[in-house]
Amino acid sequence: MKDERFEDFLINKMTIIYKYLIKIGASCEDAEDIVQDTICKVIEYVDSISIDDIYPWLFKVSLNRYYNLYNKKKKEKIGIDDRILNSLYSDGLIEEHVLNEELKSNVHKILGLLKESYRTLLIFKYFVGLSYKEIGEILDLDENKVKTYLYRARNKFKELWEVSNYGR
């Protein structure tokens, strides 16, 4: 029974980590590989990891694997397939699509200007949809500190957004 609970815990937490990896730019395949490697590591080191530290440990191992992977290779730009473009144009959705892509690009540019801790907090909260408590567990922070740091991160994002003229 204990093994089943640990397995459920691991699946739940690795799903969150997978979503985070996708949001910070990993491809689906790379995120799956990173998650698989992390699970292998936790199995290898399960006896030496404190139960209280396992979630932050999983997160750190996954991020280290992500950074190692993406430091070795450049991200590939994927062009829009002509069929997709024609479909969007024929449906009258191309303008909306272009505007959405421009907004996404601008948000990512501003996120890139933030210090990593702020960027991580904002991605956890608004892209992955984690609660303050879940973020605190991952980052080993008190829930009130998470709220405070998120408040600062939102303010810094807003400040950079307004300075960049995206918020016109």
N, C-alpha and C. Protein backbone atom coordinates (compact mmCIF):
# COMPACT_ATOMS: atom_id res chain seq x y z
N MET A 1 0.82 -1.20 0.00
CA MET A 1 0.00 0.00 0.00
C MET A 1 0.87 1.26 0.00
N LYS A 2 1.96 1.22 0.77
CA LYS A 2 2.85 2.36 0.84
C LYS A 2 3.44 2.67 -0.54
N ASP A 3 3.78 1.63 -1.30
CA ASP A 3 4.34 1.81 -2.63
C ASP A 3 3.33 2.47 -3.57
N GLU A 4 2.05 2.11 -3.44
CA GLU A 4 1.01 2.71 -4.28
C GLU A 4 0.85 4.20 -3.97
N ARG A 5 0.91 4.57 -2.70
CA ARG A 5 0.80 5.97 -2.32
C ARG A 5 1.98 6.77 -2.85
N PHE A 6 3.17 6.18 -2.76
CA PHE A 6 4.36 6.85 -3.27
C PHE A 6 4.26 7.01 -4.79
N GLU A 7 3.77 5.98 -5.46
CA GLU A 7 3.61 6.04 -6.90
C GLU A 7 2.61 7.14 -7.30
N ASP A 8 1.50 7.23 -6.59
CA ASP A 8 0.50 8.28 -6.86
C ASP A 8 1.11 9.66 -6.62
N PHE A 9 1.85 9.79 -5.53
CA PHE A 9 2.52 11.05 -5.21
C PHE A 9 3.47 11.43 -6.33
N LEU A 10 4.27 10.47 -6.77
CA LEU A 10 5.25 10.71 -7.81
C LEU A 10 4.58 11.11 -9.13
N ILE A 11 3.53 10.41 -9.50
CA ILE A 11 2.81 10.74 -10.74
C ILE A 11 2.24 12.15 -10.67
N ASN A 12 1.62 12.49 -9.56
CA ASN A 12 1.03 13.81 -9.37
C ASN A 12 2.08 14.90 -9.49
N LYS A 13 3.18 14.76 -8.80
CA LYS A 13 4.22 15.80 -8.79
C LYS A 13 4.94 15.88 -10.13
N MET A 14 5.17 14.75 -10.76
CA MET A 14 5.87 14.78 -12.04
C MET A 14 4.99 15.36 -13.14
N THR A 15 3.68 15.25 -13.00
CA THR A 15 2.75 15.88 -13.95
C THR A 15 2.88 17.40 -13.85
N ILE A 16 2.98 17.91 -12.65
CA ILE A 16 3.15 19.35 -12.45
C ILE A 16 4.49 19.80 -13.02
N ILE A 17 5.53 19.03 -12.76
CA ILE A 17 6.86 19.37 -13.28
C ILE A 17 6.86 19.31 -14.80
N TYR A 18 6.18 18.33 -15.38
CA TYR A 18 6.08 18.23 -16.84
C TYR A 18 5.44 19.50 -17.42
N LYS A 19 4.34 19.94 -16.83
CA LYS A 19 3.66 21.15 -17.30
C LYS A 19 4.58 22.36 -17.19
N TYR A 20 5.32 22.43 -16.10
CA TYR A 20 6.24 23.55 -15.92
C TYR A 20 7.32 23.54 -17.00
N LEU A 21 7.88 22.38 -17.27
CA LEU A 21 8.91 22.27 -18.30
C LEU A 21 8.39 22.73 -19.67
N ILE A 22 7.17 22.36 -19.98
CA ILE A 22 6.55 22.79 -21.24
C ILE A 22 6.44 24.32 -21.27
N LYS A 23 6.01 24.90 -20.16
CA LYS A 23 5.81 26.35 -20.11
C LYS A 23 7.11 27.13 -20.21
N ILE A 24 8.22 26.55 -19.77
CA ILE A 24 9.47 27.29 -19.86
C ILE A 24 10.21 27.02 -21.17
N GLY A 25 9.59 26.20 -22.06
CA GLY A 25 10.13 26.07 -23.40
C GLY A 25 10.58 24.70 -23.83
N ALA A 26 10.46 23.70 -22.99
CA ALA A 26 10.84 22.35 -23.40
C ALA A 26 9.80 21.80 -24.37
N SER A 27 10.27 21.04 -25.32
CA SER A 27 9.33 20.36 -26.22
C SER A 27 8.67 19.23 -25.43
N CYS A 28 7.55 18.73 -25.92
CA CYS A 28 6.86 17.63 -25.24
C CYS A 28 7.78 16.42 -25.09
N GLU A 29 8.51 16.12 -26.15
CA GLU A 29 9.41 14.96 -26.10
C GLU A 29 10.51 15.15 -25.08
N ASP A 30 11.10 16.35 -25.06
CA ASP A 30 12.17 16.63 -24.10
C ASP A 30 11.64 16.61 -22.67
N ALA A 31 10.45 17.18 -22.47
CA ALA A 31 9.85 17.18 -21.13
C ALA A 31 9.59 15.75 -20.67
N GLU A 32 9.11 14.91 -21.57
CA GLU A 32 8.88 13.50 -21.22
C GLU A 32 10.18 12.81 -20.85
N ASP A 33 11.24 13.08 -21.63
CA ASP A 33 12.54 12.48 -21.34
C ASP A 33 13.08 12.95 -19.98
N ILE A 34 12.94 14.23 -19.71
CA ILE A 34 13.41 14.79 -18.45
C ILE A 34 12.65 14.17 -17.28
N VAL A 35 11.33 14.06 -17.42
CA VAL A 35 10.52 13.45 -16.36
C VAL A 35 10.94 12.00 -16.15
N GLN A 36 11.14 11.27 -17.23
CA GLN A 36 11.56 9.88 -17.12
C GLN A 36 12.93 9.77 -16.43
N ASP A 37 13.87 10.62 -16.83
CA ASP A 37 15.19 10.61 -16.19
C ASP A 37 15.09 10.93 -14.70
N THR A 38 14.22 11.88 -14.37
CA THR A 38 14.05 12.26 -12.97
C THR A 38 13.46 11.11 -12.16
N ILE A 39 12.50 10.42 -12.72
CA ILE A 39 11.91 9.27 -12.03
C ILE A 39 12.97 8.19 -11.82
N CYS A 40 13.82 7.96 -12.81
CA CYS A 40 14.91 6.99 -12.64
C CYS A 40 15.84 7.42 -11.51
N LYS A 41 16.14 8.72 -11.43
CA LYS A 41 17.00 9.23 -10.37
C LYS A 41 16.36 9.04 -9.00
N VAL A 42 15.07 9.32 -8.89
CA VAL A 42 14.41 9.18 -7.59
C VAL A 42 14.39 7.72 -7.16
N ILE A 43 14.22 6.82 -8.10
CA ILE A 43 14.26 5.39 -7.77
C ILE A 43 15.67 5.01 -7.29
N GLU A 44 16.65 5.56 -7.96
CA GLU A 44 18.04 5.27 -7.61
C GLU A 44 18.41 5.81 -6.22
N TYR A 45 17.91 7.00 -5.87
CA TYR A 45 18.30 7.65 -4.63
C TYR A 45 17.20 7.70 -3.57
N VAL A 46 16.14 6.94 -3.73
CA VAL A 46 14.98 7.04 -2.85
C VAL A 46 15.33 6.84 -1.37
N ASP A 47 16.28 5.99 -1.09
CA ASP A 47 16.63 5.73 0.31
C ASP A 47 17.42 6.86 0.95
N SER A 48 18.05 7.70 0.15
CA SER A 48 18.87 8.77 0.71
C SER A 48 18.18 10.13 0.71
N ILE A 49 16.94 10.20 0.23
CA ILE A 49 16.20 11.46 0.17
C ILE A 49 15.19 11.50 1.31
N SER A 50 15.21 12.60 2.05
CA SER A 50 14.22 12.79 3.10
C SER A 50 12.84 12.95 2.48
N ILE A 51 11.83 12.37 3.08
CA ILE A 51 10.46 12.45 2.55
C ILE A 51 9.98 13.90 2.47
N ASP A 52 10.43 14.75 3.39
CA ASP A 52 10.04 16.16 3.37
C ASP A 52 10.68 16.93 2.22
N ASP A 53 11.82 16.45 1.77
CA ASP A 53 12.57 17.16 0.73
C ASP A 53 12.38 16.59 -0.66
N ILE A 54 11.56 15.57 -0.81
CA ILE A 54 11.49 14.88 -2.09
C ILE A 54 10.90 15.74 -3.22
N TYR A 55 9.88 16.53 -2.92
CA TYR A 55 9.26 17.34 -3.97
C TYR A 55 10.22 18.42 -4.48
N PRO A 56 10.84 19.21 -3.59
CA PRO A 56 11.83 20.17 -4.10
C PRO A 56 13.00 19.47 -4.81
N TRP A 57 13.38 18.29 -4.33
CA TRP A 57 14.46 17.54 -4.96
C TRP A 57 14.07 17.15 -6.38
N LEU A 58 12.86 16.63 -6.57
CA LEU A 58 12.38 16.28 -7.91
C LEU A 58 12.42 17.48 -8.84
N PHE A 59 11.96 18.60 -8.34
CA PHE A 59 11.91 19.82 -9.13
C PHE A 59 13.32 20.26 -9.53
N LYS A 60 14.25 20.24 -8.58
CA LYS A 60 15.62 20.68 -8.87
C LYS A 60 16.31 19.75 -9.86
N VAL A 61 16.13 18.46 -9.69
CA VAL A 61 16.73 17.50 -10.62
C VAL A 61 16.17 17.72 -12.03
N SER A 62 14.86 17.92 -12.14
CA SER A 62 14.24 18.15 -13.44
C SER A 62 14.75 19.42 -14.09
N LEU A 63 14.84 20.49 -13.32
CA LEU A 63 15.34 21.76 -13.87
C LEU A 63 16.79 21.65 -14.29
N ASN A 64 17.60 20.97 -13.50
CA ASN A 64 19.00 20.80 -13.88
C ASN A 64 19.11 20.02 -15.19
N ARG A 65 18.30 18.99 -15.33
CA ARG A 65 18.29 18.21 -16.58
C ARG A 65 17.85 19.10 -17.76
N TYR A 66 16.84 19.93 -17.53
CA TYR A 66 16.36 20.83 -18.58
C TYR A 66 17.47 21.80 -18.99
N TYR A 67 18.12 22.45 -18.02
CA TYR A 67 19.17 23.42 -18.34
C TYR A 67 20.35 22.74 -19.03
N ASN A 68 20.71 21.55 -18.60
CA ASN A 68 21.79 20.82 -19.26
C ASN A 68 21.43 20.51 -20.71
N LEU A 69 20.21 20.07 -20.93
CA LEU A 69 19.77 19.73 -22.28
C LEU A 69 19.78 20.96 -23.19
N TYR A 70 19.23 22.06 -22.71
CA TYR A 70 19.10 23.23 -23.56
C TYR A 70 20.35 24.07 -23.64
N ASN A 71 21.33 23.82 -22.78
CA ASN A 71 22.62 24.46 -22.95
C ASN A 71 23.41 23.77 -24.05
N LYS A 72 23.09 22.50 -24.31
CA LYS A 72 23.80 21.73 -25.33
C LYS A 72 23.28 22.00 -26.74
N LYS A 73 22.01 22.32 -26.84
CA LYS A 73 21.48 22.52 -28.20
C LYS A 73 20.65 23.79 -28.26
N LYS A 74 20.58 24.35 -29.41
CA LYS A 74 19.79 25.57 -29.63
C LYS A 74 18.35 25.18 -29.89
N LYS A 75 17.44 26.05 -29.47
CA LYS A 75 16.03 25.79 -29.76
C LYS A 75 15.80 25.93 -31.26
N GLU A 76 15.00 25.03 -31.77
CA GLU A 76 14.66 25.08 -33.18
C GLU A 76 13.37 25.87 -33.36
N LYS A 77 13.40 26.75 -34.32
CA LYS A 77 12.19 27.51 -34.64
C LYS A 77 11.32 26.67 -35.55
N ILE A 78 10.05 26.60 -35.23
CA ILE A 78 9.12 25.83 -36.05
C ILE A 78 8.28 26.82 -36.85
N GLY A 79 8.34 26.72 -38.18
CA GLY A 79 7.58 27.60 -39.03
C GLY A 79 6.13 27.16 -39.12
N ILE A 80 5.28 28.09 -39.51
CA ILE A 80 3.87 27.76 -39.67
C ILE A 80 3.69 27.03 -40.99
N ASP A 81 3.10 25.88 -40.93
CA ASP A 81 2.80 25.07 -42.11
C ASP A 81 1.81 25.84 -42.99
N ASP A 82 2.02 25.81 -44.31
CA ASP A 82 1.14 26.53 -45.24
C ASP A 82 -0.32 26.11 -45.09
N ARG A 83 -0.55 24.82 -44.84
CA ARG A 83 -1.93 24.34 -44.68
C ARG A 83 -2.59 24.99 -43.47
N ILE A 84 -1.84 25.11 -42.38
CA ILE A 84 -2.38 25.75 -41.17
C ILE A 84 -2.67 27.21 -41.46
N LEU A 85 -1.73 27.87 -42.12
CA LEU A 85 -1.89 29.27 -42.45
C LEU A 85 -3.12 29.50 -43.34
N ASN A 86 -3.28 28.67 -44.37
CA ASN A 86 -4.44 28.79 -45.26
C ASN A 86 -5.74 28.52 -44.52
N SER A 87 -5.72 27.55 -43.62
CA SER A 87 -6.90 27.23 -42.83
C SER A 87 -7.29 28.42 -41.96
N LEU A 88 -6.31 29.02 -41.31
CA LEU A 88 -6.59 30.19 -40.46
C LEU A 88 -7.13 31.34 -41.31
N TYR A 89 -6.53 31.54 -42.48
CA TYR A 89 -6.95 32.63 -43.34
C TYR A 89 -8.36 32.42 -43.85
N SER A 90 -8.66 31.19 -44.26
CA SER A 90 -9.98 30.91 -44.81
C SER A 90 -11.06 30.98 -43.74
N ASP A 91 -10.71 30.71 -42.50
CA ASP A 91 -11.68 30.79 -41.42
C ASP A 91 -11.81 32.21 -40.86
N GLY A 92 -11.00 33.13 -41.38
CA GLY A 92 -11.05 34.50 -40.88
C GLY A 92 -10.39 34.65 -39.52
N LEU A 93 -9.60 33.68 -39.14
CA LEU A 93 -8.99 33.70 -37.81
C LEU A 93 -7.54 34.18 -37.81
N ILE A 94 -7.02 34.49 -38.98
CA ILE A 94 -5.59 34.79 -39.04
C ILE A 94 -5.22 36.04 -38.24
N GLU A 95 -6.05 37.07 -38.32
CA GLU A 95 -5.75 38.30 -37.57
C GLU A 95 -5.76 38.02 -36.07
N GLU A 96 -6.76 37.28 -35.63
CA GLU A 96 -6.83 36.92 -34.21
C GLU A 96 -5.63 36.07 -33.80
N HIS A 97 -5.27 35.13 -34.66
CA HIS A 97 -4.11 34.27 -34.37
C HIS A 97 -2.83 35.09 -34.27
N VAL A 98 -2.62 36.00 -35.21
CA VAL A 98 -1.42 36.84 -35.21
C VAL A 98 -1.38 37.70 -33.96
N LEU A 99 -2.50 38.27 -33.58
CA LEU A 99 -2.55 39.10 -32.37
C LEU A 99 -2.27 38.28 -31.12
N ASN A 100 -2.83 37.08 -31.06
CA ASN A 100 -2.57 36.19 -29.91
C ASN A 100 -1.10 35.81 -29.85
N GLU A 101 -0.52 35.50 -31.01
CA GLU A 101 0.90 35.13 -31.04
C GLU A 101 1.78 36.31 -30.64
N GLU A 102 1.39 37.51 -31.07
CA GLU A 102 2.15 38.71 -30.70
C GLU A 102 2.06 38.96 -29.19
N LEU A 103 0.88 38.79 -28.63
CA LEU A 103 0.71 38.96 -27.19
C LEU A 103 1.54 37.93 -26.42
N LYS A 104 1.48 36.66 -26.85
CA LYS A 104 2.28 35.62 -26.21
C LYS A 104 3.76 35.96 -26.28
N SER A 105 4.20 36.40 -27.45
CA SER A 105 5.60 36.74 -27.64
C SER A 105 6.01 37.88 -26.70
N ASN A 106 5.15 38.89 -26.59
CA ASN A 106 5.45 40.02 -25.71
C ASN A 106 5.50 39.59 -24.24
N VAL A 107 4.59 38.72 -23.82
CA VAL A 107 4.58 38.22 -22.45
C VAL A 107 5.87 37.45 -22.18
N HIS A 108 6.28 36.61 -23.13
CA HIS A 108 7.51 35.84 -22.96
C HIS A 108 8.74 36.74 -22.91
N LYS A 109 8.72 37.82 -23.69
CA LYS A 109 9.84 38.77 -23.65
C LYS A 109 9.95 39.40 -22.27
N ILE A 110 8.82 39.81 -21.72
CA ILE A 110 8.84 40.44 -20.39
C ILE A 110 9.25 39.42 -19.34
N LEU A 111 8.71 38.20 -19.44
CA LEU A 111 9.12 37.15 -18.49
C LEU A 111 10.63 36.93 -18.56
N GLY A 112 11.18 37.01 -19.76
CA GLY A 112 12.62 36.83 -19.93
C GLY A 112 13.45 37.92 -19.29
N LEU A 113 12.85 39.09 -19.08
CA LEU A 113 13.57 40.19 -18.45
C LEU A 113 13.56 40.10 -16.92
N LEU A 114 12.63 39.31 -16.38
CA LEU A 114 12.53 39.17 -14.93
C LEU A 114 13.64 38.28 -14.41
N LYS A 115 13.97 38.47 -13.13
CA LYS A 115 14.93 37.54 -12.54
C LYS A 115 14.25 36.17 -12.44
N GLU A 116 15.05 35.14 -12.42
CA GLU A 116 14.53 33.78 -12.53
C GLU A 116 13.52 33.44 -11.45
N SER A 117 13.74 33.89 -10.24
CA SER A 117 12.81 33.55 -9.16
C SER A 117 11.42 34.13 -9.42
N TYR A 118 11.35 35.35 -9.92
CA TYR A 118 10.05 35.96 -10.23
C TYR A 118 9.39 35.23 -11.40
N ARG A 119 10.19 34.94 -12.43
CA ARG A 119 9.65 34.25 -13.60
C ARG A 119 9.08 32.89 -13.19
N THR A 120 9.81 32.16 -12.36
CA THR A 120 9.36 30.85 -11.91
C THR A 120 8.04 30.96 -11.15
N LEU A 121 7.95 31.91 -10.25
CA LEU A 121 6.72 32.09 -9.48
C LEU A 121 5.53 32.39 -10.39
N LEU A 122 5.72 33.30 -11.33
CA LEU A 122 4.62 33.67 -12.23
C LEU A 122 4.19 32.50 -13.12
N ILE A 123 5.15 31.73 -13.59
CA ILE A 123 4.81 30.57 -14.41
C ILE A 123 4.05 29.54 -13.59
N PHE A 124 4.52 29.26 -12.38
CA PHE A 124 3.82 28.31 -11.51
C PHE A 124 2.39 28.74 -11.26
N LYS A 125 2.20 30.02 -10.96
CA LYS A 125 0.87 30.50 -10.58
C LYS A 125 -0.07 30.63 -11.78
N TYR A 126 0.40 31.27 -12.85
CA TYR A 126 -0.51 31.66 -13.92
C TYR A 126 -0.49 30.75 -15.15
N PHE A 127 0.56 30.00 -15.35
CA PHE A 127 0.61 29.10 -16.50
C PHE A 127 0.34 27.66 -16.09
N VAL A 128 0.94 27.25 -14.97
CA VAL A 128 0.74 25.88 -14.51
C VAL A 128 -0.51 25.80 -13.62
N GLY A 129 -0.87 26.90 -12.96
CA GLY A 129 -2.09 26.95 -12.16
C GLY A 129 -1.94 26.35 -10.77
N LEU A 130 -0.75 26.45 -10.20
CA LEU A 130 -0.53 25.91 -8.86
C LEU A 130 -1.05 26.86 -7.79
N SER A 131 -1.42 26.31 -6.66
CA SER A 131 -1.85 27.11 -5.52
C SER A 131 -0.61 27.65 -4.81
N TYR A 132 -0.82 28.60 -3.90
CA TYR A 132 0.28 29.14 -3.11
C TYR A 132 0.95 28.02 -2.31
N LYS A 133 0.13 27.15 -1.78
CA LYS A 133 0.65 26.04 -0.98
C LYS A 133 1.53 25.12 -1.83
N GLU A 134 1.07 24.77 -3.03
CA GLU A 134 1.85 23.90 -3.91
C GLU A 134 3.17 24.55 -4.32
N ILE A 135 3.11 25.84 -4.61
CA ILE A 135 4.34 26.57 -4.96
C ILE A 135 5.30 26.56 -3.78
N GLY A 136 4.77 26.78 -2.59
CA GLY A 136 5.59 26.76 -1.39
C GLY A 136 6.26 25.41 -1.18
N GLU A 137 5.53 24.34 -1.45
CA GLU A 137 6.10 22.99 -1.31
C GLU A 137 7.25 22.78 -2.29
N ILE A 138 7.08 23.22 -3.52
CA ILE A 138 8.12 23.04 -4.53
C ILE A 138 9.37 23.84 -4.18
N LEU A 139 9.16 25.09 -3.80
CA LEU A 139 10.29 25.99 -3.56
C LEU A 139 10.75 26.01 -2.11
N ASP A 140 10.11 25.19 -1.29
CA ASP A 140 10.45 25.09 0.13
C ASP A 140 10.33 26.47 0.79
N LEU A 141 9.18 27.12 0.56
CA LEU A 141 8.89 28.43 1.11
C LEU A 141 7.58 28.40 1.88
N ASP A 142 7.46 29.25 2.86
CA ASP A 142 6.22 29.44 3.59
C ASP A 142 5.18 30.04 2.63
N GLU A 143 3.93 29.67 2.82
CA GLU A 143 2.86 30.15 1.93
C GLU A 143 2.78 31.68 1.90
N ASN A 144 2.97 32.32 3.05
CA ASN A 144 2.93 33.79 3.10
C ASN A 144 4.09 34.41 2.31
N LYS A 145 5.25 33.78 2.34
CA LYS A 145 6.39 34.28 1.55
C LYS A 145 6.08 34.15 0.07
N VAL A 146 5.44 33.05 -0.31
CA VAL A 146 5.06 32.86 -1.71
C VAL A 146 4.14 34.00 -2.15
N LYS A 147 3.17 34.33 -1.32
CA LYS A 147 2.25 35.43 -1.65
C LYS A 147 3.00 36.75 -1.79
N THR A 148 3.92 37.00 -0.88
CA THR A 148 4.69 38.24 -0.91
C THR A 148 5.56 38.31 -2.16
N TYR A 149 6.27 37.22 -2.46
CA TYR A 149 7.15 37.20 -3.62
C TYR A 149 6.35 37.28 -4.92
N LEU A 150 5.18 36.66 -4.95
CA LEU A 150 4.33 36.75 -6.15
C LEU A 150 3.82 38.17 -6.34
N TYR A 151 3.49 38.83 -5.26
CA TYR A 151 3.06 40.23 -5.33
C TYR A 151 4.17 41.07 -5.96
N ARG A 152 5.40 40.88 -5.49
CA ARG A 152 6.54 41.62 -6.04
C ARG A 152 6.77 41.26 -7.50
N ALA A 153 6.64 39.97 -7.82
CA ALA A 153 6.85 39.53 -9.21
C ALA A 153 5.81 40.14 -10.14
N ARG A 154 4.55 40.17 -9.71
CA ARG A 154 3.49 40.79 -10.53
C ARG A 154 3.77 42.27 -10.74
N ASN A 155 4.18 42.95 -9.68
CA ASN A 155 4.47 44.39 -9.80
C ASN A 155 5.64 44.65 -10.75
N LYS A 156 6.67 43.83 -10.66
CA LYS A 156 7.83 44.00 -11.54
C LYS A 156 7.44 43.70 -12.98
N PHE A 157 6.62 42.66 -13.19
CA PHE A 157 6.13 42.34 -14.53
C PHE A 157 5.33 43.53 -15.08
N LYS A 158 4.43 44.07 -14.27
CA LYS A 158 3.60 45.20 -14.69
C LYS A 158 4.47 46.41 -15.03
N GLU A 159 5.46 46.67 -14.21
CA GLU A 159 6.36 47.80 -14.45
C GLU A 159 7.10 47.63 -15.78
N LEU A 160 7.64 46.44 -16.02
CA LEU A 160 8.36 46.19 -17.27
C LEU A 160 7.42 46.23 -18.47
N TRP A 161 6.21 45.75 -18.29
CA TRP A 161 5.21 45.76 -19.36
C TRP A 161 4.89 47.20 -19.77
N GLU A 162 4.69 48.07 -18.79
CA GLU A 162 4.35 49.46 -19.07
C GLU A 162 5.52 50.21 -19.69
N VAL A 163 6.73 49.95 -19.20
CA VAL A 163 7.92 50.60 -19.75
C VAL A 163 8.16 50.18 -21.19
N SER A 164 7.84 48.93 -21.52
CA SER A 164 8.08 48.40 -22.87
C SER A 164 7.04 48.88 -23.87
N ASN A 165 6.01 49.57 -23.41
CA ASN A 165 4.92 50.06 -24.25
C ASN A 165 4.01 48.96 -24.79
N TYR A 166 4.11 47.75 -24.25
CA TYR A 166 3.17 46.71 -24.66
C TYR A 166 1.80 47.01 -24.08
N GLY A 167 1.77 47.64 -22.92
CA GLY A 167 0.52 47.93 -22.24
C GLY A 167 -0.14 49.21 -22.70
N ARG A 168 0.40 49.86 -23.69
CA ARG A 168 -0.07 51.13 -24.28
C ARG A 168 -1.19 51.71 -23.54
